[in-house]
Every structure is written in C-alpha cells, then in structure tokens.
Protein backbone atom coordinates (compact mmCIF):
# COMPACT_ATOMS: atom_id res chain seq x y z
CA MET A 1 0.02 0.06 0.02
CA ILE A 2 2.66 2.51 1.07
CA ALA A 3 4.92 1.33 -1.92
CA ARG A 4 2.03 2.16 -4.32
CA VAL A 5 1.62 5.62 -2.92
CA VAL A 6 5.45 6.21 -3.26
CA ILE A 7 5.43 4.97 -6.89
CA ASP A 8 2.43 7.27 -7.65
CA LEU A 9 3.98 10.28 -6.07
CA ILE A 10 7.29 9.74 -7.91
CA GLN A 11 5.44 9.37 -11.22
CA LEU A 12 3.38 12.53 -10.52
CA TYR A 13 6.67 14.40 -9.88
CA ILE A 14 8.10 13.05 -13.15
CA VAL A 15 5.03 14.33 -15.07
CA ILE A 16 5.48 17.71 -13.47
CA LEU A 17 9.14 17.84 -14.47
CA ILE A 18 8.25 16.94 -18.06
CA VAL A 19 5.56 19.62 -18.26
CA ARG A 20 7.88 22.14 -16.80
CA ALA A 21 10.52 21.22 -19.52
CA VAL A 22 8.00 21.45 -22.41
CA LEU A 23 6.65 24.85 -21.14
CA THR A 24 10.20 26.26 -21.33
CA TRP A 25 10.33 25.61 -25.18
CA PHE A 26 7.54 28.18 -25.73
CA PRO A 27 7.39 31.94 -25.03
CA THR A 28 4.61 32.93 -22.62
CA GLU A 29 2.98 36.26 -22.06
CA PRO A 30 3.60 37.57 -18.61
CA GLY A 31 0.41 37.05 -16.36
CA SER A 32 -1.19 34.52 -18.74
CA GLY A 33 -2.50 31.26 -17.38
CA VAL A 34 0.41 29.32 -18.83
CA ASP A 35 2.89 31.77 -17.36
CA ARG A 36 1.22 31.27 -13.93
CA LEU A 37 1.33 27.51 -14.48
CA GLY A 38 5.03 27.68 -15.36
CA ARG A 39 5.85 29.75 -12.28
CA SER A 40 3.91 27.26 -10.00
CA LEU A 41 5.86 24.33 -11.54
CA ASP A 42 9.07 26.18 -10.91
CA LYS A 43 8.31 26.55 -7.32
CA VAL A 44 7.61 22.84 -7.05
CA THR A 45 10.64 21.62 -9.13
CA GLU A 46 13.40 24.15 -8.39
CA PRO A 47 14.15 22.92 -4.91
CA VAL A 48 15.18 19.63 -6.41
CA LEU A 49 16.78 20.88 -9.66
CA ALA A 50 18.88 23.77 -8.14
CA PRO A 51 21.26 21.49 -6.27
CA VAL A 52 21.86 19.38 -9.32
CA ARG A 53 22.39 22.54 -11.42
CA ARG A 54 25.06 23.70 -8.94
CA ILE A 55 27.01 20.43 -9.56
CA LEU A 56 26.20 20.21 -13.26
CA PRO A 57 25.82 23.70 -14.66
CA PRO A 58 24.13 24.10 -18.08
CA MET A 59 26.28 23.15 -21.03
CA ARG A 60 26.93 25.97 -23.38
CA MET A 61 26.44 25.30 -27.01
CA GLY A 62 26.87 28.32 -29.22
CA GLY A 63 24.60 31.09 -27.90
CA MET A 64 22.40 28.87 -25.77
CA GLY A 65 22.71 26.59 -22.74
CA ILE A 66 21.27 23.12 -22.29
CA ASP A 67 20.11 22.46 -18.77
CA LEU A 68 20.78 18.76 -18.04
CA SER A 69 19.54 18.88 -14.40
CA ILE A 70 15.99 17.77 -15.37
CA ILE A 71 17.50 14.75 -17.28
CA VAL A 72 19.63 13.75 -14.19
CA VAL A 73 16.65 14.15 -11.83
CA LEU A 74 14.36 12.11 -14.10
CA LEU A 75 16.91 9.42 -14.28
CA VAL A 76 17.40 9.29 -10.57
CA LEU A 77 13.71 9.15 -9.91
CA GLU A 78 13.20 6.32 -12.41
CA LEU A 79 16.00 4.43 -10.68
CA LEU A 80 14.26 4.95 -7.35
CA VAL A 81 11.02 3.65 -8.77
CA ILE A 82 12.48 0.30 -10.02
CA PRO A 83 13.24 -1.32 -6.58
CA VAL A 84 9.95 -0.08 -5.21
CA VAL A 85 8.02 -1.59 -8.14
CA ALA A 86 9.95 -4.82 -7.76
CA ARG A 87 8.77 -5.00 -4.10
CA VAL A 88 5.14 -4.41 -5.01
CA LEU A 89 5.22 -7.19 -7.63
C-alpha cells in the first residue's frame, strides 16, 4: 500500500518535471495562465533541480545553454522507482 503511494508520487513528480521542461520551449505572455502554471511548476521543481544544477551547470552550445539537471533528476527518480516496483510485484 505505502509502496504504491510512493510510486504514484514519484510518477506525478516526473510528469510535473516533463511539463515544466516542455513549457520552457515556448514563449509565454507575462500574467497569462500558462505563465502562472510555469511559475507554479518552477516553485515545485526548483528545490530539487537547483542542487543538481550547482553540480552540473548548463552546457554551453553556441549562444544557448542546455540544462541537464532535469534529465539527471528524471533518471534518478526512475532508478528509485525500479526497486519499489519490484517489491510491489
């Protein structure tokens, strides 16, 4: 029972991270609903992403930077889910 809740919470956080990443690909108008959603997702995800970003800063490629912190956090979360799922089965 508890393992199922943990799996669901981790999967929800993974979805939140993916939505945050996708929203950064598009310009938003300040004050719009999408902008407010993006800021809310930032508040939820930044406490986890910021420490990873300090260790692994964005890679510079030409005039832009690629933030790998989301990929690292997604990978770690998936690795955390595997043993929990194995216990449930």
